[in-house]
Amino acid sequence: MESLYLLIPISVALVFGALWLFFKASDDGQFDDMEGPALRVLQDNDRI
């Protein structure tokens, strides 16, 4: 039971940390163009 007093705050802190990282990446424009890189892989631009 005593371990729960340590594990619960640590898990809550980890969840808030993960949410902070997600929203920070979202604000920095990480998820703006979801289709561009996928289509760029399929294009054949090899000029030999």
Protein backbone atom coordinates (compact mmCIF):
# COMPACT_ATOMS: atom_id res chain seq x y z
CA MET A 1 0.00 0.00 0.00
CA GLU A 2 2.86 2.36 0.74
CA SER A 3 4.19 1.94 -2.79
CA LEU A 4 0.95 3.38 -4.17
CA TYR A 5 1.75 6.68 -2.46
CA LEU A 6 4.80 6.87 -4.70
CA LEU A 7 3.53 5.21 -7.88
CA ILE A 8 0.32 7.21 -8.31
CA PRO A 9 1.97 10.68 -8.29
CA ILE A 10 4.72 9.41 -10.61
CA SER A 11 2.18 8.04 -13.08
CA VAL A 12 0.14 11.26 -12.96
CA ALA A 13 3.32 13.27 -13.60
CA LEU A 14 4.21 11.02 -16.56
CA VAL A 15 0.75 11.47 -18.09
CA PHE A 16 0.95 15.25 -17.76
CA GLY A 17 4.47 15.18 -19.19
CA ALA A 18 3.32 13.16 -22.20
CA LEU A 19 0.39 15.52 -22.77
CA TRP A 20 2.71 18.52 -22.52
CA LEU A 21 5.08 17.01 -25.10
CA PHE A 22 2.17 16.22 -27.44
CA PHE A 23 0.73 19.73 -27.28
CA LYS A 24 4.19 21.27 -27.64
CA ALA A 25 4.82 19.23 -30.78
CA SER A 26 1.37 20.18 -32.05
CA ASP A 27 2.04 23.88 -31.51
CA ASP A 28 5.43 23.64 -33.26
CA GLY A 29 3.75 22.32 -36.42
CA GLN A 30 4.85 18.70 -36.16
CA PHE A 31 1.49 17.39 -37.40
CA ASP A 32 0.68 20.00 -40.05
CA ASP A 33 1.39 18.00 -43.20
CA MET A 34 0.35 14.39 -42.75
CA GLU A 35 0.08 13.46 -46.45
CA GLY A 36 3.13 15.16 -47.97
CA PRO A 37 5.89 12.84 -46.73
CA ALA A 38 3.84 9.74 -47.57
CA LEU A 39 3.29 10.91 -51.15
CA ARG A 40 6.87 12.08 -51.53
CA VAL A 41 8.09 8.51 -50.89
CA LEU A 42 5.96 7.21 -53.76
CA GLN A 43 7.21 9.74 -56.33
CA ASP A 44 10.03 8.59 -58.57
CA ASN A 45 12.42 11.50 -58.86
CA ASP A 46 15.59 9.53 -59.56
CA ARG A 47 17.53 11.21 -62.38
CA ILE A 48 20.56 9.12 -63.30
